[in-house]
Protein backbone atom coordinates (compact mmCIF):
# COMPACT_ATOMS: atom_id res chain seq x y z
CA MET A 1 33.61 -0.42 -7.66
CA GLU A 2 31.86 2.68 -6.31
CA GLU A 3 28.18 2.13 -5.54
CA LYS A 4 25.76 4.19 -7.58
CA LEU A 5 23.67 6.79 -5.83
CA VAL A 6 20.24 5.43 -4.98
CA ARG A 7 17.48 7.48 -6.57
CA VAL A 8 14.96 8.13 -3.80
CA GLY A 9 11.44 9.24 -4.72
CA ILE A 10 9.84 11.34 -1.96
CA THR A 11 6.12 12.14 -1.92
CA HIS A 12 5.26 15.33 -0.05
CA GLY A 13 2.24 13.89 1.79
CA ASP A 14 -0.30 16.25 3.37
CA ILE A 15 0.73 19.81 2.55
CA ASN A 16 -0.90 21.18 5.72
CA GLY A 17 1.07 18.93 8.10
CA ILE A 18 4.75 18.73 8.97
CA GLY A 19 5.80 16.94 5.77
CA TYR A 20 7.58 19.87 4.15
CA GLU A 21 9.17 20.88 7.43
CA VAL A 22 10.87 17.51 7.94
CA ILE A 23 11.80 17.26 4.26
CA LEU A 24 13.43 20.72 4.23
CA LYS A 25 15.21 20.18 7.52
CA THR A 26 16.61 16.86 6.29
CA PHE A 27 17.98 18.26 3.05
CA SER A 28 19.37 21.39 4.66
CA ASP A 29 22.32 19.07 5.37
CA ASN A 30 23.95 18.96 1.94
CA ARG A 31 25.85 15.79 2.87
CA ILE A 32 22.60 13.87 2.28
CA THR A 33 22.93 14.32 -1.47
CA GLU A 34 26.27 12.54 -1.32
CA LEU A 35 24.36 9.40 -0.27
CA CYS A 36 21.43 9.50 -2.67
CA THR A 37 19.70 11.40 -5.45
CA PRO A 38 16.45 12.75 -4.00
CA VAL A 39 13.44 13.34 -6.25
CA ILE A 40 10.62 15.16 -4.42
CA TYR A 41 7.13 14.79 -5.85
CA GLY A 42 5.40 17.94 -4.68
CA SER A 43 5.52 21.68 -5.30
CA SER A 44 8.49 24.02 -5.39
CA LYS A 45 6.15 26.89 -4.50
CA ILE A 46 4.88 25.13 -1.35
CA ALA A 47 8.44 24.20 -0.42
CA ALA A 48 9.45 27.86 -0.72
CA PHE A 49 6.41 28.91 1.34
CA TYR A 50 7.40 26.63 4.24
CA ARG A 51 11.08 27.51 4.04
CA LYS A 52 10.27 31.21 4.34
CA MET A 53 7.59 30.80 7.04
CA LEU A 54 9.78 28.55 9.21
CA GLU A 55 12.92 30.59 8.49
CA LEU A 56 14.83 27.49 7.44
CA PRO A 57 18.16 27.50 5.60
CA SER A 58 17.92 28.04 1.87
CA ILE A 59 18.03 24.91 -0.26
CA SER A 60 18.76 25.00 -3.96
CA MET A 61 16.10 22.84 -5.61
CA ASN A 62 16.46 21.61 -9.16
CA SER A 63 13.01 21.78 -10.81
CA ILE A 64 12.61 18.98 -13.33
CA LEU A 65 9.78 17.65 -15.47
CA ASN A 66 10.48 13.97 -14.94
CA ALA A 67 12.66 11.75 -12.77
CA GLU A 68 14.98 10.82 -15.63
CA GLU A 69 16.29 14.39 -15.53
CA ALA A 70 17.26 14.20 -11.85
CA GLY A 71 20.79 15.41 -11.22
CA ASP A 72 23.15 13.89 -8.69
CA ASN A 73 24.44 15.92 -5.74
CA ARG A 74 21.35 18.12 -5.67
CA VAL A 75 17.76 18.10 -4.46
CA ASN A 76 15.37 17.57 -7.37
CA ILE A 77 11.66 18.42 -7.34
CA ILE A 78 8.83 17.55 -9.73
CA ASN A 79 5.81 19.83 -9.56
CA CYS A 80 2.72 17.63 -9.24
CA VAL A 81 0.10 20.19 -8.16
CA ASN A 82 -1.26 23.52 -9.33
CA ASP A 83 0.81 26.54 -8.33
CA GLU A 84 -2.32 28.26 -7.01
CA ILE A 85 -3.09 25.52 -4.49
CA LYS A 86 -4.08 26.84 -1.07
CA VAL A 87 -2.08 25.82 2.00
CA GLU A 88 -3.97 25.89 5.31
CA VAL A 89 -1.34 25.01 7.89
CA GLY A 90 -2.53 22.57 10.54
CA GLN A 91 -5.91 21.93 8.91
CA PRO A 92 -7.25 18.79 7.18
CA THR A 93 -8.71 19.86 3.82
CA PRO A 94 -9.89 18.12 0.64
CA ILE A 95 -7.41 20.20 -1.37
CA ALA A 96 -4.52 18.88 0.72
CA GLY A 97 -5.81 15.34 0.27
CA GLU A 98 -5.93 15.79 -3.50
CA ALA A 99 -2.38 17.19 -3.52
CA ALA A 100 -1.14 14.24 -1.47
CA TYR A 101 -2.72 11.77 -3.89
CA LYS A 102 -1.33 13.45 -7.01
CA ALA A 103 2.21 13.25 -5.64
CA LEU A 104 1.75 9.63 -4.58
CA GLU A 105 0.28 8.66 -7.93
CA ARG A 106 3.22 10.20 -9.81
CA GLY A 107 5.81 8.64 -7.51
CA VAL A 108 4.25 5.18 -7.81
CA ALA A 109 4.13 5.47 -11.61
CA ASP A 110 7.85 6.27 -11.70
CA LEU A 111 8.61 3.43 -9.29
CA LYS A 112 6.80 1.04 -11.63
CA GLN A 113 8.88 2.31 -14.54
CA GLY A 114 12.11 1.90 -12.58
CA VAL A 115 13.19 5.54 -12.92
CA ILE A 116 13.38 5.79 -9.13
CA ASP A 117 14.79 3.01 -6.97
CA VAL A 118 12.85 3.41 -3.72
CA LEU A 119 9.89 5.36 -2.37
CA LEU A 120 9.79 7.46 0.80
CA THR A 121 6.30 8.73 1.68
CA ALA A 122 5.70 11.74 3.92
CA PRO A 123 2.60 11.36 6.13
CA ILE A 124 -0.90 11.64 4.65
CA ASN A 125 -4.31 12.21 6.17
CA LYS A 126 -6.05 8.88 5.53
CA ASN A 127 -9.44 10.58 5.40
CA THR A 128 -8.86 13.55 3.10
CA ILE A 129 -6.86 11.53 0.55
CA GLN A 130 -9.82 9.25 -0.22
CA ASN A 131 -11.09 9.40 -3.81
CA ASP A 132 -12.20 7.09 -6.62
CA GLN A 133 -8.62 5.84 -7.12
CA PHE A 134 -7.57 5.80 -3.47
CA HIS A 135 -10.04 3.90 -1.30
CA PHE A 136 -7.61 2.29 1.12
CA PRO A 137 -6.92 2.58 4.87
CA GLY A 138 -3.37 3.75 4.20
CA HIS A 139 -0.21 3.65 2.10
CA THR A 140 0.43 -0.05 2.77
CA GLU A 141 -2.85 -1.27 1.32
CA TYR A 142 -2.59 1.09 -1.66
CA LEU A 143 0.89 -0.21 -2.49
CA GLU A 144 -0.34 -3.81 -2.18
CA ASP A 145 -2.95 -3.00 -4.80
CA GLN A 146 -0.45 -1.32 -7.10
CA PHE A 147 2.42 -3.80 -6.87
CA SER A 148 0.82 -7.11 -5.97
CA PRO A 149 -1.97 -7.84 -8.46
CA GLN A 150 -2.10 -11.50 -7.39
CA GLY A 151 -3.23 -10.48 -3.92
CA LYS A 152 0.05 -10.90 -2.07
CA LYS A 153 -0.06 -8.88 1.14
CA GLY A 154 2.60 -6.53 2.37
CA LEU A 155 3.79 -6.54 5.95
CA MET A 156 3.89 -3.35 8.00
CA ILE A 157 7.06 -3.15 10.11
CA LEU A 158 7.82 -0.34 12.55
CA MET A 159 11.53 -0.41 13.18
CA ASN A 160 14.76 1.15 14.34
CA ASP A 161 18.19 -0.35 15.01
CA GLN A 162 17.06 -2.04 18.24
CA LEU A 163 13.47 -3.10 17.61
CA LYS A 164 11.44 -4.35 14.64
CA VAL A 165 7.70 -4.87 15.17
CA ALA A 166 5.55 -6.39 12.42
CA LEU A 167 1.75 -6.57 12.38
CA VAL A 168 -0.50 -9.49 11.49
CA THR A 169 -3.51 -7.18 11.10
CA GLY A 170 -3.15 -3.51 10.26
CA HIS A 171 -5.72 -0.79 9.75
CA ILE A 172 -8.88 -2.70 10.70
CA PRO A 173 -11.37 -2.23 13.57
CA LEU A 174 -10.44 -4.00 16.78
CA SER A 175 -13.74 -5.89 16.64
CA GLN A 176 -12.51 -7.69 13.49
CA VAL A 177 -9.06 -8.68 14.74
CA VAL A 178 -9.73 -12.15 16.17
CA SER A 179 -11.83 -13.31 13.22
CA SER A 180 -9.14 -12.06 10.81
CA ILE A 181 -6.31 -14.10 12.34
CA THR A 182 -5.92 -17.63 10.93
CA VAL A 183 -3.22 -20.27 10.97
CA ASP A 184 -2.44 -19.65 7.31
CA ASP A 185 -2.22 -15.91 7.85
CA ILE A 186 0.20 -16.26 10.77
CA VAL A 187 2.36 -18.69 8.80
CA ASN A 188 2.43 -16.26 5.86
CA LYS A 189 3.31 -13.27 8.02
CA LEU A 190 6.06 -15.19 9.82
CA SER A 191 7.51 -16.31 6.48
CA VAL A 192 7.45 -12.79 5.01
CA PHE A 193 8.93 -11.33 8.20
CA ASN A 194 11.66 -13.97 8.28
CA GLN A 195 12.56 -13.31 4.63
CA ALA A 196 12.63 -9.54 5.16
CA LEU A 197 14.95 -9.86 8.16
CA LYS A 198 17.33 -12.00 6.10
CA GLN A 199 17.11 -10.22 2.74
CA ASP A 200 16.51 -6.61 3.72
CA PHE A 201 18.35 -6.39 7.05
CA ARG A 202 21.09 -9.03 6.62
CA ILE A 203 20.17 -11.10 9.69
CA ASN A 204 21.30 -14.63 8.90
CA LYS A 205 19.13 -16.65 11.31
CA PRO A 206 16.33 -14.39 12.58
CA ARG A 207 14.66 -15.07 15.93
CA ILE A 208 11.05 -13.87 15.93
CA ALA A 209 8.93 -13.40 19.06
CA VAL A 210 5.18 -13.90 18.65
CA LEU A 211 2.80 -11.94 20.86
CA SER A 212 -0.41 -13.52 22.15
CA ILE A 213 -3.90 -12.48 21.13
CA ASN A 214 -5.40 -12.65 24.61
CA PRO A 215 -4.24 -11.10 27.91
CA HIS A 216 -1.71 -13.26 29.76
CA ALA A 217 -1.45 -15.45 26.65
CA GLY A 218 -4.90 -16.81 27.41
CA ASP A 219 -4.03 -18.06 30.93
CA GLY A 220 -4.21 -21.68 29.81
CA GLY A 221 -7.53 -21.16 28.03
CA LEU A 222 -9.23 -19.23 30.82
CA LEU A 223 -9.06 -15.94 28.86
CA GLY A 224 -9.35 -17.41 25.38
CA ASP A 225 -8.04 -20.38 23.42
CA GLU A 226 -6.67 -18.70 20.29
CA GLU A 227 -3.10 -19.22 21.45
CA ASN A 228 -3.55 -23.01 21.49
CA ALA A 229 -5.92 -23.20 18.55
CA VAL A 230 -4.24 -20.75 16.16
CA LEU A 231 -0.88 -19.32 17.19
CA ILE A 232 0.99 -22.42 18.35
CA PRO A 233 -0.09 -24.58 15.36
CA ALA A 234 0.93 -21.72 13.04
CA MET A 235 4.33 -21.41 14.70
CA GLN A 236 4.85 -25.16 14.37
CA GLU A 237 3.94 -25.02 10.69
CA ALA A 238 6.26 -22.06 10.11
CA GLU A 239 9.08 -23.99 11.77
CA LYS A 240 8.79 -26.59 8.99
CA LYS A 241 9.52 -23.75 6.58
CA GLY A 242 12.68 -22.79 8.44
CA VAL A 243 11.27 -19.95 10.55
CA MET A 244 12.46 -19.72 14.16
CA SER A 245 9.62 -18.25 16.24
CA PHE A 246 9.08 -18.19 19.99
CA GLY A 247 6.12 -17.59 22.29
CA PRO A 248 3.31 -16.69 22.34
CA TYR A 249 4.20 -13.98 24.85
CA ALA A 250 1.80 -11.71 26.73
CA ALA A 251 2.47 -8.26 25.28
CA ASP A 252 2.51 -6.28 28.54
CA GLY A 253 5.13 -8.40 30.26
CA PHE A 254 7.10 -8.83 27.04
CA PHE A 255 7.66 -5.11 26.59
CA GLY A 256 7.71 -4.29 30.29
CA SER A 257 10.61 -6.67 30.93
CA ARG A 258 12.45 -5.56 27.75
CA MET A 259 12.38 -9.14 26.50
CA TYR A 260 12.28 -7.76 22.95
CA GLU A 261 16.02 -7.15 23.26
CA ARG A 262 16.55 -10.92 22.91
CA PHE A 263 14.92 -11.12 19.47
CA ASP A 264 15.49 -9.86 15.95
CA GLY A 265 11.80 -9.19 15.34
CA VAL A 266 8.44 -9.12 17.10
CA LEU A 267 5.19 -10.20 15.46
CA ALA A 268 2.20 -8.38 17.00
CA MET A 269 -1.38 -9.42 16.38
CA TYR A 270 -2.96 -6.00 15.88
CA HIS A 271 -2.09 -2.36 15.32
CA ASP A 272 -2.02 -0.85 18.81
CA GLN A 273 -0.59 -3.97 20.47
CA GLY A 274 2.62 -3.51 18.51
CA LEU A 275 2.74 0.17 17.68
CA ALA A 276 1.79 1.71 21.03
CA PRO A 277 4.82 0.26 22.84
CA PHE A 278 7.05 0.81 19.81
CA LYS A 279 6.20 4.49 19.59
CA ALA A 280 6.56 4.91 23.33
CA LEU A 281 10.07 3.50 23.05
CA SER A 282 11.17 4.76 19.64
CA MET A 283 8.94 7.52 18.28
CA GLU A 284 11.80 9.90 17.64
CA ASN A 285 13.76 7.63 15.29
CA GLY A 286 11.15 5.06 14.24
CA VAL A 287 10.60 4.06 10.62
CA ASN A 288 7.56 2.54 8.94
CA TYR A 289 8.76 -0.08 6.45
CA THR A 290 6.58 -2.10 4.07
CA ALA A 291 8.01 -5.61 3.63
CA GLY A 292 6.83 -8.45 1.42
CA LEU A 293 6.47 -6.44 -1.81
CA PRO A 294 8.82 -6.27 -4.81
CA ILE A 295 9.37 -2.55 -4.18
CA ILE A 296 11.00 -0.68 -1.29
CA ARG A 297 8.93 1.86 0.62
CA THR A 298 9.61 3.62 3.90
CA SER A 299 7.94 6.40 5.84
CA PRO A 300 8.53 8.26 9.11
CA ALA A 301 6.73 6.67 12.07
CA HIS A 302 4.75 9.82 12.87
CA GLY A 303 1.66 11.27 11.22
CA THR A 304 0.74 14.69 9.85
CA ALA A 305 1.07 16.29 13.32
CA TYR A 306 -1.29 19.16 12.55
CA ASP A 307 -1.00 20.35 16.16
CA ILE A 308 2.63 21.41 15.69
CA ALA A 309 2.60 22.22 11.96
CA GLY A 310 4.13 25.57 11.04
CA GLN A 311 5.84 26.06 14.40
CA ASN A 312 9.37 24.91 13.48
CA ILE A 313 9.42 22.39 16.33
CA ALA A 314 8.97 19.13 14.39
CA SER A 315 11.95 16.77 14.47
CA GLU A 316 13.22 15.47 11.16
CA GLU A 317 14.98 12.47 12.75
CA SER A 318 12.30 9.91 11.87
CA PHE A 319 12.18 11.12 8.26
CA ARG A 320 15.97 11.05 8.03
CA GLN A 321 16.07 7.50 9.38
CA ALA A 322 13.39 6.49 6.85
CA LEU A 323 15.67 7.84 4.12
CA TYR A 324 18.69 5.92 5.43
CA THR A 325 16.62 2.73 5.78
CA ALA A 326 15.41 2.92 2.18
CA ILE A 327 18.98 3.28 0.94
CA ASP A 328 20.27 0.45 3.16
CA VAL A 329 17.48 -1.95 2.16
CA TYR A 330 18.05 -1.24 -1.53
CA ARG A 331 21.74 -2.10 -1.21
CA ASN A 332 21.06 -5.10 1.03
CA ARG A 333 18.66 -6.56 -1.53
CA LEU A 334 21.27 -6.23 -4.25
CA ARG A 335 23.85 -8.00 -2.10
CA PHE A 336 21.38 -10.72 -1.12
CA LYS A 337 20.49 -11.29 -4.77
CA GLU A 338 24.15 -11.58 -5.72
CA ALA A 339 24.90 -13.94 -2.82
CA THR A 340 22.00 -16.27 -3.62
CA ALA A 341 22.05 -16.11 -7.43
CA HIS A 342 24.03 -19.33 -7.87
CA PRO A 343 23.63 -21.52 -4.78
CA LEU A 344 25.84 -24.59 -4.46
CA ARG A 345 24.03 -27.79 -5.33
CA LYS A 346 24.37 -31.02 -3.38
CA GLN A 347 27.11 -33.02 -5.03
CA TYR A 348 28.40 -36.57 -4.70
CA PHE A 349 31.71 -37.84 -6.03
CA ASP A 350 34.21 -40.63 -5.44
CA LYS A 351 36.39 -40.40 -2.33
CA GLY A 352 39.39 -42.72 -2.19
CA SER A 353 40.12 -45.96 -3.92
CA ASP A 354 37.22 -47.74 -2.25
CA ASN A 355 34.81 -45.66 -4.35
CA GLU A 356 33.19 -44.28 -1.16
CA LYS A 357 30.72 -41.50 -1.86
CA LEU A 358 31.34 -38.04 -0.37
CA ASP A 359 28.23 -36.17 0.74
CA LEU A 360 28.98 -32.42 0.76
CA THR A 361 25.97 -31.76 2.98
CA LYS A 362 27.54 -33.56 5.95
CA ASP A 363 29.60 -31.62 8.50
CA GLU A 364 32.25 -34.31 8.72
CA ASP A 365 32.93 -34.10 4.98
CA VAL A 366 33.02 -30.36 4.42
CA ASP A 367 32.76 -27.14 6.40
CA THR A 368 29.38 -25.45 6.27
CA PHE A 369 29.31 -22.24 4.28
CA GLU A 370 26.65 -19.62 4.87
CA PRO A 371 26.76 -16.33 2.94
């Protein structure tokens, strides 16, 4: 059976940054619409402004009123902002922040209704987007609020094909990091990361490296005892839940020696510990993925990049990879759900005339099957 086209909702982000440039460059390749049905939440007028200014190839955009009208094999756009909105290329402005929020609000509403399958967010300015409805450090925390009313936290993962780095703490001041890290929090993050690697990326038995909090992993307590008091007990507790984690490793030596190549995922303690080396290694094709929530959301790894906005030098590769990742994760989740919908139960039945019981969980009685 042919797989249906995934309907990808795309929010235009900050209209003064490079969002429209990477969106237009991505969809100038008409093969993309053979893989998905894109629905851009933004402005056809602003899209036309950037296409003309940057002298990009013409793209036929299908203006629609709602996502249900989106046509396959074409780029669809829903106008979410006033046609008279002012674009100030390369500048952070309240108007741009308002436009970013309106697109995000509309995309999230459609994601809740199920009329789009996944969400791809172009970069926002975390300062100008703030308002009475959006009072969060970033997309991740906003989506937690919208899709996890019981307080379940998402997990920020920066990833490409070779490296997946998740964060225990995200957009918080460095002075609050140590007090925010607890045994329970580490166990939770390891469990969510482990599940995402299995469900979303089809890694059967993930191996997760855990980075230390202190330099040199505390040097046996000389530089701090959080490794012994928090990280190791948390890793031991997570092991009881079936999570394979290793470490804690000092971050500098871990990345410097390319030890990350031996693992399926890396759990970093705070934002810059994980993302600085990731972006140094993989900025061009990195993807920001939010795990641990019932919805699928990706974003390019870069920000608004005001300094190069409007110059036609921004690379669309990270945005394109974010699009591919959203599609792949959507399909992987469907396959995972199908594979685990009816798990085999432990069964016992007579074997031979001596009425000996056969235990199907033992290797000597039956081959192990893992989907």
